[in-house]
Amino acid sequence: MLEGGRRGGDDGRDGERGGGYCRGDRGRGGRSHGYADRGRTRGRPPVRRARRVSRADIARALDETRLLPAIVFVFSRNGCDQAVRQCLFEGIALTSREEREEIRRLALDATRGMTDEERRVLGVREWIAGLERGVAAHHAGLLPAFKTVVEHLFQRRLVKIVFATETLALGINMPARAVVIERLDKFNGEQRVPLTSGEYTQLTGRAGRRGIDTEGHAVVVWNDGVDLEALAHLAGARSFPVRSSFRPTPNMAVNLLQRMDMEHVRETLELSFAQFQADRAVVDQARELRAEQESLAGYDAAAARSQGADRKRWEDRARKLRRRLERGRRQIASRTGTIARVFDRVVELLFDLDYLNGPSNEPEVAPWGELLRRIYGERDLLVAECLRRDALRGLDAAGLAAMCCVLSYEPRRDDEGEPSLPGGRLFAAAHDRVLDLWVELDDLAERHRLPRSEMPHAGLAAAMHAWAAGTPIELVLERSGIGAGDFVRWAKQTIDLLDQIAQACETAVLSGLDEDRLGELARLAREAKRGVRRGIVEASSTS
């Protein structure tokens, strides 16, 4: 049963965006709302609790109320996959025979190049079975080719329901008649946190197809914890603060200084959105200080007119206010021009490491700075130092691919277990050198009052080493326990870094820097790239 703040008659179309929730009275094989057996105490009335609405119930309710096609947001990759299995188990079928034939043809075309073993490991048979019923999952753990097929079928209205994580709400063209949100909180990597009004609007913005629907429907699944007042506020809020995460990096510094002088770089940074936000906050604080300055003038005037105890009381108030005003002025001075000051600290660090030379007010990019210009990413300076100080010596092509994965990989959870290192003694020695460099650069960043960086993580190194060495994908996935989509994504990141290393080393060779060593490293990076870019990784790169 669909219920909502706007009652639209008996046709069930009352889940207008921002207002509805879904409550299942009785599912197939289920029981109606009843009294909970747990928690009863003698002399107290039993607690009435709603039965949890199953994903199959949601599919039936959307079908019966003509709210398909729909996207159901489930904030868990495993939850999305389980939702498809539940619908298959309970016999949900939303497609006609002609639609099923078309779906099967398109799905088979997309998987035609896979071996039987790859199809088994990737669960192609189950995936196609869900598509033929009009049901699919969509999340970052899926193979990119699978996600592309799901998006295409949904756009053609062949797939009717997609169970998706919130990543689908970002930049993918999949408009729906209805959007369902399974719960109003999600796990952020550390704890469950409520959805913000901006996140709610981003998710429900998928509801309503331009040129097809006159309105979109947003439905929240009912459970005992739903606070209707909070839901109404969430749906009605229209203020979405935007916070800039922009910050100067070593790679940015050498690229800017290659193109313009120090003065023009600082002027450019002062025009950034991040500095605008900082300055806007300063304006509000300055307004408060002006009001306090007027109060101080009043305190001084009152003290001048008074004598004895009254005079001392006004002077004490004025003294306290002067201290507060001085603290406020220091805070304003620290916040004005913050982006340019951070850039200055990055420049000082690069001078210390010989990536820049010349006078401090007119820095020039040194030869090793030219190499740094070709390295992008969160660990740009660490990668450049690994190349400059020969930390990657002793690695073969598979080992270099695995180390590039270490330098680019970011675990989804902080508590990801201690990884095992591949490649024997030589890889372990190179890994130790990389970590030693990371510690050294982290300490240097702290001395220059710059943010610390995350420690490189070898969680996927063994899997990437095996893949680059030619191990079949089914064995790589089974041993690593990672999903195909996640593995392909990190393989692409590894390929990107290998390509950067090859280009940076070739540039350094042209500048006359350590020609034999860097030339060999460039060749090895190209070989490692070929080892990673094969099979489903190559297919995903061209899809």
Protein backbone atom coordinates (compact mmCIF):
# COMPACT_ATOMS: atom_id res chain seq x y z
CA MET A 1 0.00 0.00 0.00
CA LEU A 2 1.38 3.42 -0.90
CA GLU A 3 0.62 6.23 1.47
CA GLY A 4 1.69 9.84 1.43
CA GLY A 5 1.06 13.40 2.42
CA ARG A 6 -1.05 13.97 -0.71
CA ARG A 7 -4.00 11.61 -1.21
CA GLY A 8 -4.64 11.21 -4.89
CA GLY A 9 -7.67 8.94 -4.97
CA ASP A 10 -7.81 5.19 -5.51
CA ASP A 11 -5.33 4.85 -8.33
CA GLY A 12 -2.44 4.72 -5.89
CA ARG A 13 -0.59 7.67 -7.42
CA ASP A 14 0.00 9.53 -4.19
CA GLY A 15 3.74 9.23 -3.70
CA GLU A 16 4.53 12.74 -4.98
CA ARG A 17 8.20 13.59 -4.74
CA GLY A 18 9.27 14.38 -1.22
CA GLY A 19 6.09 13.17 0.46
CA GLY A 20 5.40 9.45 0.31
CA TYR A 21 6.24 6.29 2.14
CA CYS A 22 5.59 2.64 1.41
CA ARG A 23 4.11 0.17 3.87
CA GLY A 24 3.39 -3.46 3.03
CA ASP A 25 0.33 -4.91 4.78
CA ARG A 26 0.90 -8.51 3.71
CA GLY A 27 3.53 -9.99 1.45
CA ARG A 28 3.34 -13.22 -0.49
CA GLY A 29 3.68 -15.98 2.09
CA GLY A 30 3.91 -13.37 4.85
CA ARG A 31 1.64 -12.30 7.67
CA SER A 32 -0.15 -9.09 8.42
CA HIS A 33 1.08 -6.51 10.93
CA GLY A 34 1.04 -8.16 14.33
CA TYR A 35 2.25 -7.92 17.84
CA ALA A 36 5.91 -8.56 18.52
CA ASP A 37 6.56 -11.62 20.67
CA ARG A 38 9.84 -10.28 21.93
CA GLY A 39 10.04 -7.72 24.69
CA ARG A 40 6.65 -8.53 26.29
CA THR A 41 6.47 -8.04 30.04
CA ARG A 42 3.67 -9.09 32.38
CA GLY A 43 1.15 -6.35 33.03
CA ARG A 44 2.13 -4.30 29.95
CA PRO A 45 0.35 -4.24 26.60
CA PRO A 46 2.18 -5.94 23.73
CA VAL A 47 4.18 -3.69 21.39
CA ARG A 48 2.77 -3.48 17.89
CA ARG A 49 5.50 -3.49 15.26
CA ALA A 50 5.28 -3.27 11.51
CA ARG A 51 6.58 -6.17 9.45
CA ARG A 52 9.64 -5.20 7.43
CA VAL A 53 8.70 -4.45 3.83
CA SER A 54 10.55 -6.86 1.56
CA ARG A 55 12.13 -5.81 -1.73
CA ALA A 56 9.71 -8.09 -3.56
CA ASP A 57 6.80 -6.29 -1.83
CA ILE A 58 8.23 -2.98 -3.04
CA ALA A 59 8.41 -4.31 -6.61
CA ARG A 60 4.80 -5.52 -6.48
CA ALA A 61 3.53 -2.24 -4.98
CA LEU A 62 5.27 -0.17 -7.67
CA ASP A 63 3.90 -2.42 -10.41
CA GLU A 64 0.33 -2.36 -9.03
CA THR A 65 0.34 1.43 -8.65
CA ARG A 66 1.79 1.97 -12.14
CA LEU A 67 4.94 3.69 -10.85
CA LEU A 68 7.38 1.80 -13.05
CA PRO A 69 10.09 2.23 -14.20
CA ALA A 70 11.57 2.89 -10.77
CA ILE A 71 14.90 3.13 -8.99
CA VAL A 72 15.12 1.71 -5.48
CA PHE A 73 18.07 3.11 -3.55
CA VAL A 74 19.66 0.57 -1.21
CA PHE A 75 22.78 1.90 0.52
CA SER A 76 24.71 -1.36 0.27
CA ARG A 77 26.22 -3.18 -2.71
CA ASN A 78 25.38 -6.56 -1.18
CA GLY A 79 21.87 -5.29 -0.45
CA CYS A 80 21.34 -4.44 -4.12
CA ASP A 81 22.44 -7.92 -5.22
CA GLN A 82 20.31 -9.57 -2.54
CA ALA A 83 17.28 -7.51 -3.64
CA VAL A 84 17.51 -8.97 -7.16
CA ARG A 85 17.80 -12.49 -5.75
CA GLN A 86 14.76 -11.94 -3.51
CA CYS A 87 12.70 -10.77 -6.46
CA LEU A 88 13.75 -13.82 -8.50
CA PHE A 89 13.00 -16.16 -5.58
CA GLU A 90 9.51 -14.71 -5.13
CA GLY A 91 8.68 -14.91 -8.82
CA ILE A 92 8.65 -11.21 -9.71
CA ALA A 93 8.22 -10.89 -13.50
CA LEU A 94 7.65 -7.45 -15.02
CA THR A 95 8.39 -8.02 -18.70
CA SER A 96 6.56 -9.38 -21.72
CA ARG A 97 7.85 -12.24 -23.88
CA GLU A 98 8.98 -9.82 -26.59
CA GLU A 99 10.83 -7.71 -24.04
CA ARG A 100 12.55 -10.77 -22.59
CA GLU A 101 13.79 -11.82 -26.03
CA GLU A 102 15.20 -8.35 -26.71
CA ILE A 103 16.84 -8.19 -23.27
CA ARG A 104 18.47 -11.59 -23.74
CA ARG A 105 19.82 -10.64 -27.17
CA LEU A 106 21.43 -7.45 -25.87
CA ALA A 107 22.85 -9.13 -22.76
CA LEU A 108 24.37 -11.98 -24.75
CA ASP A 109 25.94 -9.49 -27.17
CA ALA A 110 27.59 -7.72 -24.23
CA THR A 111 29.07 -10.96 -22.83
CA ARG A 112 29.94 -12.69 -26.10
CA GLY A 113 33.71 -12.30 -25.69
CA MET A 114 33.83 -13.93 -22.24
CA THR A 115 35.10 -17.43 -21.62
CA ASP A 116 32.85 -19.99 -19.91
CA GLU A 117 34.93 -19.68 -16.75
CA GLU A 118 34.64 -15.88 -16.73
CA ARG A 119 30.88 -16.15 -17.22
CA ARG A 120 30.66 -18.53 -14.26
CA VAL A 121 32.76 -16.38 -11.93
CA LEU A 122 30.92 -13.18 -12.92
CA GLY A 123 27.47 -14.77 -12.46
CA VAL A 124 26.33 -14.01 -16.00
CA ARG A 125 23.49 -16.55 -15.92
CA GLU A 126 21.91 -15.07 -12.79
CA TRP A 127 22.47 -11.54 -14.08
CA ILE A 128 20.63 -12.29 -17.35
CA ALA A 129 17.83 -14.06 -15.44
CA GLY A 130 17.22 -10.87 -13.45
CA LEU A 131 17.32 -8.69 -16.55
CA GLU A 132 14.76 -10.91 -18.29
CA ARG A 133 12.41 -10.44 -15.33
CA GLY A 134 12.90 -6.65 -15.56
CA VAL A 135 15.00 -6.41 -12.38
CA ALA A 136 18.68 -5.41 -12.03
CA ALA A 137 21.30 -4.12 -9.60
CA HIS A 138 23.57 -1.14 -10.23
CA HIS A 139 26.59 -0.31 -8.04
CA ALA A 140 30.34 0.31 -8.23
CA GLY A 141 31.15 -3.35 -7.59
CA LEU A 142 29.64 -4.46 -10.90
CA LEU A 143 31.63 -4.93 -14.06
CA PRO A 144 31.42 -1.69 -16.11
CA ALA A 145 29.99 -3.61 -19.08
CA PHE A 146 27.17 -4.91 -16.85
CA LYS A 147 26.37 -1.39 -15.62
CA THR A 148 26.32 -0.09 -19.18
CA VAL A 149 23.82 -2.76 -20.24
CA VAL A 150 21.59 -2.05 -17.22
CA GLU A 151 21.61 1.70 -17.98
CA HIS A 152 20.80 1.07 -21.66
CA LEU A 153 17.95 -1.34 -20.89
CA PHE A 154 16.49 0.99 -18.26
CA GLN A 155 16.57 3.93 -20.66
CA ARG A 156 14.67 1.78 -23.20
CA ARG A 157 12.14 0.82 -20.46
CA LEU A 158 12.99 -2.87 -20.80
CA VAL A 159 14.34 -3.15 -17.26
CA LYS A 160 11.62 -1.88 -14.92
CA ILE A 161 13.29 -1.75 -11.48
CA VAL A 162 16.90 -1.05 -10.64
CA PHE A 163 18.19 -1.56 -7.09
CA ALA A 164 21.07 0.90 -6.83
CA THR A 165 23.50 2.54 -4.45
CA GLU A 166 23.62 6.33 -4.33
CA THR A 167 26.41 6.47 -6.94
CA LEU A 168 23.71 6.07 -9.59
CA ALA A 169 22.36 9.51 -8.64
CA LEU A 170 25.57 11.17 -9.84
CA GLY A 171 25.85 11.96 -13.53
CA ILE A 172 24.05 8.95 -15.06
CA ASN A 173 21.11 9.46 -17.41
CA MET A 174 18.52 7.09 -15.89
CA PRO A 175 15.29 9.06 -15.27
CA ALA A 176 12.46 7.08 -13.64
CA ARG A 177 8.78 7.53 -12.91
CA ALA A 178 9.40 6.81 -9.23
CA VAL A 179 12.32 6.73 -6.84
CA VAL A 180 12.20 4.63 -3.68
CA ILE A 181 14.50 5.23 -0.70
CA GLU A 182 14.76 2.15 1.48
CA ARG A 183 15.93 4.00 4.61
CA LEU A 184 16.81 7.54 5.62
CA ASP A 185 20.29 6.83 6.91
CA LYS A 186 23.40 5.22 5.47
CA PHE A 187 26.79 3.94 6.55
CA ASN A 188 29.56 6.48 5.87
CA GLY A 189 32.47 4.09 6.50
CA GLU A 190 32.45 4.60 10.27
CA GLN A 191 28.84 4.82 11.43
CA ARG A 192 25.26 5.21 10.24
CA VAL A 193 24.39 8.86 9.60
CA PRO A 194 21.09 10.48 8.47
CA LEU A 195 20.69 11.58 4.87
CA THR A 196 21.13 15.30 4.35
CA SER A 197 18.55 17.38 2.52
CA GLY A 198 21.00 17.72 -0.37
CA GLU A 199 21.45 13.94 -0.62
CA TYR A 200 17.69 13.41 -0.45
CA THR A 201 17.12 15.91 -3.26
CA GLN A 202 19.91 14.36 -5.35
CA LEU A 203 18.34 10.91 -5.04
CA THR A 204 14.74 11.93 -5.62
CA GLY A 205 15.75 14.16 -8.53
CA ARG A 206 15.76 11.01 -10.68
CA ALA A 207 11.97 10.83 -10.40
CA GLY A 208 10.03 12.24 -13.33
CA ARG A 209 10.99 11.72 -16.99
CA ARG A 210 11.10 14.92 -19.01
CA GLY A 211 8.57 14.86 -21.80
CA ILE A 212 6.92 11.67 -20.46
CA ASP A 213 5.78 12.21 -16.85
CA THR A 214 3.93 15.26 -15.61
CA GLU A 215 5.24 14.60 -12.10
CA GLY A 216 7.79 12.44 -10.32
CA HIS A 217 7.10 10.24 -7.32
CA ALA A 218 9.42 9.75 -4.37
CA VAL A 219 8.61 6.96 -1.92
CA VAL A 220 10.21 6.24 1.45
CA VAL A 221 9.82 2.67 2.70
CA TRP A 222 7.94 2.57 5.98
CA ASN A 223 9.50 1.21 9.15
CA ASP A 224 8.97 1.84 12.85
CA GLY A 225 11.84 4.32 12.97
CA VAL A 226 10.52 6.73 10.33
CA ASP A 227 9.98 10.22 11.78
CA LEU A 228 7.39 11.85 9.53
CA GLU A 229 8.21 15.37 10.73
CA ALA A 230 11.90 14.82 9.97
CA LEU A 231 10.97 13.37 6.56
CA ALA A 232 8.82 16.40 5.76
CA HIS A 233 11.69 18.72 6.74
CA LEU A 234 14.12 16.66 4.66
CA ALA A 235 11.88 16.86 1.60
CA GLY A 236 11.06 20.55 2.04
CA ALA A 237 14.55 21.91 2.70
CA ARG A 238 16.01 23.89 -0.17
CA SER A 239 19.28 25.13 1.33
CA PHE A 240 22.22 22.95 0.29
CA PRO A 241 25.60 24.30 1.49
CA VAL A 242 28.52 23.60 -0.84
CA ARG A 243 31.99 23.22 0.63
CA SER A 244 35.07 23.52 -1.55
CA SER A 245 37.72 20.82 -1.09
CA PHE A 246 40.24 22.65 -3.28
CA ARG A 247 43.82 22.80 -2.00
CA PRO A 248 47.17 23.45 -3.69
CA THR A 249 49.26 20.33 -4.39
CA PRO A 250 52.92 19.85 -5.42
CA ASN A 251 51.91 18.90 -8.97
CA MET A 252 49.66 21.96 -9.21
CA ALA A 253 52.46 24.20 -7.93
CA VAL A 254 55.05 23.17 -10.52
CA ASN A 255 52.51 23.33 -13.35
CA LEU A 256 51.33 26.82 -12.36
CA LEU A 257 54.89 28.11 -11.90
CA GLN A 258 55.83 26.72 -15.31
CA ARG A 259 53.18 28.97 -16.88
CA MET A 260 53.21 32.17 -14.78
CA ASP A 261 55.22 34.04 -12.17
CA MET A 262 54.65 33.82 -8.41
CA GLU A 263 52.59 37.00 -8.20
CA HIS A 264 50.15 35.90 -10.91
CA VAL A 265 49.82 32.44 -9.36
CA ARG A 266 48.83 33.95 -6.01
CA GLU A 267 46.34 36.29 -7.70
CA THR A 268 44.80 33.32 -9.53
CA LEU A 269 44.44 31.31 -6.32
CA GLU A 270 42.77 34.26 -4.59
CA LEU A 271 39.99 33.99 -7.20
CA SER A 272 39.22 30.36 -6.29
CA PHE A 273 35.87 29.33 -4.86
CA ALA A 274 37.60 28.00 -1.74
CA GLN A 275 39.04 31.46 -1.00
CA PHE A 276 35.65 33.04 -1.74
CA GLN A 277 34.08 30.84 0.92
CA ALA A 278 36.80 31.67 3.44
CA ASP A 279 36.48 35.40 2.70
CA ARG A 280 32.68 35.26 2.99
CA ALA A 281 33.02 33.81 6.49
CA VAL A 282 35.49 36.59 7.29
CA VAL A 283 32.94 39.23 6.21
CA ASP A 284 30.42 37.94 8.77
CA GLN A 285 33.06 37.86 11.50
CA ALA A 286 34.23 41.38 10.63
CA ARG A 287 30.64 42.62 10.92
CA GLU A 288 30.47 41.22 14.44
CA LEU A 289 33.78 42.86 15.33
CA ARG A 290 32.51 46.25 14.16
CA ALA A 291 29.51 45.91 16.45
CA GLU A 292 31.78 44.98 19.37
CA GLN A 293 34.03 47.96 18.55
CA GLU A 294 30.99 50.24 18.96
CA SER A 295 30.25 48.57 22.29
CA LEU A 296 33.84 49.18 23.38
CA ALA A 297 33.47 52.87 22.60
CA GLY A 298 30.35 52.91 24.80
CA TYR A 299 32.21 51.17 27.66
CA ASP A 300 35.06 53.71 27.45
CA ALA A 301 32.61 56.62 27.48
CA ALA A 302 30.76 55.15 30.47
CA ALA A 303 34.06 54.65 32.34
CA ALA A 304 35.06 58.28 31.66
CA ARG A 305 31.76 59.50 33.17
CA SER A 306 31.88 57.24 36.21
CA GLN A 307 33.90 57.14 39.40
CA GLY A 308 34.86 54.62 42.06
CA ALA A 309 33.42 51.10 41.80
CA ASP A 310 31.29 51.95 38.74
CA ARG A 311 34.34 53.22 36.85
CA LYS A 312 36.28 50.02 37.69
CA ARG A 313 33.37 47.86 36.48
CA TRP A 314 33.21 49.63 33.10
CA GLU A 315 37.01 49.47 32.73
CA ASP A 316 36.96 45.69 33.41
CA ARG A 317 34.29 45.20 30.77
CA ALA A 318 36.28 47.28 28.28
CA ARG A 319 39.46 45.31 29.01
CA LYS A 320 37.73 41.95 28.39
CA LEU A 321 36.15 43.21 25.19
CA ARG A 322 39.51 44.50 23.91
CA ARG A 323 41.01 41.02 24.40
CA ARG A 324 38.10 39.48 22.50
CA LEU A 325 38.48 42.01 19.69
CA GLU A 326 42.20 41.26 19.40
CA ARG A 327 41.53 37.53 19.16
CA GLY A 328 38.93 38.20 16.45
CA ARG A 329 41.34 40.36 14.46
CA ARG A 330 43.99 37.62 14.57
CA GLN A 331 41.43 35.08 13.37
CA ILE A 332 40.44 37.33 10.44
CA ALA A 333 44.08 37.83 9.49
CA SER A 334 44.66 34.06 9.56
CA ARG A 335 41.68 33.36 7.32
CA THR A 336 42.32 36.04 4.70
CA GLY A 337 44.42 34.72 1.81
CA THR A 338 44.53 31.21 3.24
CA ILE A 339 44.76 29.44 -0.14
CA ALA A 340 47.73 31.55 -1.25
CA ARG A 341 49.49 30.92 2.09
CA VAL A 342 49.06 27.17 1.70
CA PHE A 343 50.52 27.48 -1.80
CA ASP A 344 53.51 29.35 -0.33
CA ARG A 345 54.13 26.45 2.07
CA VAL A 346 53.98 23.94 -0.80
CA VAL A 347 56.52 26.04 -2.70
CA GLU A 348 58.84 26.10 0.34
CA LEU A 349 58.61 22.30 0.59
CA LEU A 350 59.44 21.91 -3.11
CA PHE A 351 62.47 24.19 -2.66
CA ASP A 352 63.67 21.91 0.15
CA LEU A 353 63.39 18.88 -2.15
CA ASP A 354 65.03 20.58 -5.19
CA TYR A 355 61.95 20.46 -7.40
CA LEU A 356 62.19 24.27 -7.59
CA ASN A 357 65.25 26.49 -7.71
CA GLY A 358 66.14 30.18 -8.10
CA PRO A 359 65.11 33.05 -5.79
CA SER A 360 62.13 32.40 -3.48
CA ASN A 361 60.10 35.27 -4.97
CA GLU A 362 60.77 34.09 -8.56
CA PRO A 363 60.98 30.28 -8.39
CA GLU A 364 61.83 28.22 -11.46
CA VAL A 365 60.90 24.60 -12.14
CA ALA A 366 64.01 22.41 -11.77
CA PRO A 367 64.62 19.31 -13.96
CA TRP A 368 63.11 16.98 -11.36
CA GLY A 369 60.17 19.40 -11.17
CA GLU A 370 59.56 18.66 -14.86
CA LEU A 371 59.15 15.00 -13.90
CA LEU A 372 56.74 15.95 -11.07
CA ARG A 373 54.63 17.90 -13.58
CA ARG A 374 53.65 14.56 -15.23
CA ILE A 375 52.51 12.86 -11.97
CA TYR A 376 48.91 13.49 -10.89
CA GLY A 377 46.94 12.17 -7.94
CA GLU A 378 46.80 12.21 -4.15
CA ARG A 379 50.36 10.86 -3.83
CA ASP A 380 52.02 12.88 -6.61
CA LEU A 381 55.08 13.88 -4.58
CA LEU A 382 55.57 10.37 -3.15
CA VAL A 383 55.52 8.84 -6.65
CA ALA A 384 57.99 11.45 -7.91
CA GLU A 385 60.32 10.74 -4.96
CA CYS A 386 60.10 7.00 -5.64
CA LEU A 387 61.30 7.65 -9.20
CA ARG A 388 63.98 10.17 -8.22
CA ARG A 389 65.45 8.08 -5.38
CA ASP A 390 65.19 4.69 -7.12
CA ALA A 391 62.79 3.19 -4.57
CA LEU A 392 61.30 0.86 -7.21
CA ARG A 393 64.56 -0.92 -8.09
CA GLY A 394 64.50 -4.71 -8.34
CA LEU A 395 60.88 -4.96 -9.49
CA ASP A 396 59.80 -6.81 -12.60
CA ALA A 397 56.78 -5.75 -14.69
CA ALA A 398 54.23 -7.55 -12.48
CA GLY A 399 55.91 -6.15 -9.36
CA LEU A 400 55.81 -2.61 -10.75
CA ALA A 401 52.11 -3.01 -11.53
CA ALA A 402 51.50 -4.21 -7.97
CA MET A 403 53.47 -1.27 -6.51
CA CYS A 404 51.52 1.21 -8.64
CA CYS A 405 48.38 -0.37 -7.20
CA VAL A 406 49.80 0.22 -3.69
CA LEU A 407 50.39 3.88 -4.59
CA SER A 408 46.88 4.43 -5.97
CA TYR A 409 44.65 2.05 -3.96
CA GLU A 410 42.32 3.43 -1.28
CA PRO A 411 40.57 0.86 0.94
CA ARG A 412 36.82 1.28 1.38
CA ARG A 413 37.08 0.78 5.14
CA ASP A 414 39.72 1.90 7.62
CA ASP A 415 39.70 -1.51 9.31
CA GLU A 416 40.69 -3.44 6.17
CA GLY A 417 42.99 -6.26 7.29
CA GLU A 418 46.76 -6.47 6.99
CA PRO A 419 47.53 -7.44 3.38
CA SER A 420 50.01 -10.06 2.19
CA LEU A 421 52.76 -8.81 -0.11
CA PRO A 422 53.42 -10.49 -3.47
CA GLY A 423 56.63 -11.02 -5.36
CA GLY A 424 58.93 -12.30 -2.61
CA ARG A 425 61.93 -10.53 -1.06
CA LEU A 426 62.50 -7.92 -3.80
CA PHE A 427 58.94 -6.61 -3.64
CA ALA A 428 59.01 -6.50 0.18
CA ALA A 429 62.26 -4.47 0.07
CA ALA A 430 60.79 -2.00 -2.45
CA HIS A 431 57.61 -1.74 -0.37
CA ASP A 432 59.68 -0.87 2.72
CA ARG A 433 61.53 1.84 0.77
CA VAL A 434 58.23 3.34 -0.39
CA LEU A 435 56.87 3.43 3.17
CA ASP A 436 60.11 4.99 4.45
CA LEU A 437 59.76 7.75 1.84
CA TRP A 438 56.12 8.26 2.83
CA VAL A 439 57.11 8.73 6.50
CA GLU A 440 59.85 11.17 5.50
CA LEU A 441 57.51 13.25 3.31
CA ASP A 442 54.78 13.18 5.94
CA ASP A 443 57.16 14.57 8.56
CA LEU A 444 58.33 17.23 6.09
CA ALA A 445 54.72 18.21 5.36
CA GLU A 446 54.06 18.59 9.08
CA ARG A 447 57.08 20.88 9.47
CA HIS A 448 55.71 23.04 6.66
CA ARG A 449 52.22 23.03 8.26
CA LEU A 450 50.69 21.08 5.38
CA PRO A 451 48.10 18.27 5.62
CA ARG A 452 49.36 14.74 6.21
CA SER A 453 48.66 12.10 3.58
CA GLU A 454 47.16 8.62 3.88
CA MET A 455 49.57 5.72 4.21
CA PRO A 456 49.91 3.62 1.01
CA HIS A 457 47.91 0.42 1.29
CA ALA A 458 48.86 -2.96 -0.21
CA GLY A 459 45.37 -4.45 0.11
CA LEU A 460 45.07 -5.22 -3.61
CA ALA A 461 48.78 -5.63 -4.43
CA ALA A 462 48.75 -9.45 -4.51
CA ALA A 463 45.71 -9.54 -6.79
CA MET A 464 47.20 -6.97 -9.17
CA HIS A 465 50.54 -8.81 -9.22
CA ALA A 466 48.79 -12.07 -10.10
CA TRP A 467 46.72 -10.42 -12.83
CA ALA A 468 49.72 -8.64 -14.39
CA ALA A 469 51.60 -11.96 -14.35
CA GLY A 470 48.87 -13.61 -16.45
CA THR A 471 46.67 -15.33 -13.85
CA PRO A 472 43.07 -15.91 -15.10
CA ILE A 473 40.50 -13.46 -13.78
CA GLU A 474 38.45 -16.17 -12.08
CA LEU A 475 41.40 -17.14 -9.87
CA VAL A 476 42.30 -13.51 -9.14
CA LEU A 477 38.77 -12.71 -7.98
CA GLU A 478 38.37 -15.91 -5.97
CA ARG A 479 41.66 -15.43 -4.11
CA SER A 480 41.20 -11.72 -3.45
CA GLY A 481 37.51 -11.78 -2.53
CA ILE A 482 36.97 -8.51 -4.43
CA GLY A 483 34.14 -7.84 -6.88
CA ALA A 484 34.82 -7.71 -10.61
CA GLY A 485 33.78 -4.06 -10.87
CA ASP A 486 36.05 -3.00 -8.02
CA PHE A 487 38.99 -4.91 -9.46
CA VAL A 488 38.52 -3.37 -12.91
CA ARG A 489 38.29 0.12 -11.40
CA TRP A 490 41.58 -0.25 -9.50
CA ALA A 491 43.20 -1.91 -12.52
CA LYS A 492 42.35 1.21 -14.53
CA GLN A 493 43.86 3.41 -11.78
CA THR A 494 46.99 1.24 -11.92
CA ILE A 495 47.18 1.57 -15.71
CA ASP A 496 46.83 5.35 -15.40
CA LEU A 497 49.71 5.59 -12.92
CA LEU A 498 51.90 3.27 -15.01
CA ASP A 499 51.25 5.52 -18.00
CA GLN A 500 52.17 8.62 -15.97
CA ILE A 501 55.40 6.97 -14.79
CA ALA A 502 56.35 6.00 -18.35
CA GLN A 503 55.74 9.53 -19.65
CA ALA A 504 57.48 11.19 -16.68
CA CYS A 505 60.57 8.98 -17.04
CA GLU A 506 60.73 9.60 -20.79
CA THR A 507 60.52 13.35 -20.16
CA ALA A 508 63.32 13.11 -17.59
CA VAL A 509 65.49 11.17 -20.04
CA LEU A 510 65.07 13.96 -22.61
CA SER A 511 66.27 16.39 -19.93
CA GLY A 512 69.39 14.28 -19.36
CA LEU A 513 68.39 12.92 -15.93
CA ASP A 514 69.74 9.43 -15.16
CA GLU A 515 69.08 8.26 -18.71
CA ASP A 516 69.80 4.54 -18.36
CA ARG A 517 67.86 3.95 -15.15
CA LEU A 518 64.80 6.06 -16.02
CA GLY A 519 64.76 4.80 -19.59
CA GLU A 520 64.60 1.21 -18.35
CA LEU A 521 61.88 2.15 -15.84
CA ALA A 522 59.81 3.71 -18.63
CA ARG A 523 60.13 0.51 -20.67
CA LEU A 524 59.16 -1.60 -17.66
CA ALA A 525 56.10 0.60 -17.00
CA ARG A 526 54.92 0.10 -20.60
CA GLU A 527 55.33 -3.66 -20.22
CA ALA A 528 53.45 -3.66 -16.90
CA LYS A 529 50.66 -1.62 -18.49
CA ARG A 530 50.23 -4.25 -21.22
CA GLY A 531 50.06 -6.96 -18.57
CA VAL A 532 47.24 -5.21 -16.68
CA ARG A 533 45.32 -4.00 -19.74
CA ARG A 534 43.94 -7.34 -20.95
CA GLY A 535 40.82 -9.49 -20.70
CA ILE A 536 37.88 -7.89 -18.93
CA VAL A 537 40.02 -4.85 -18.02
CA GLU A 538 40.69 -4.10 -21.69
CA ALA A 539 37.05 -4.83 -22.60
CA SER A 540 35.88 -2.42 -19.89
CA SER A 541 38.31 0.25 -21.08
CA THR A 542 36.84 0.18 -24.59
CA SER A 543 33.15 -0.21 -23.58
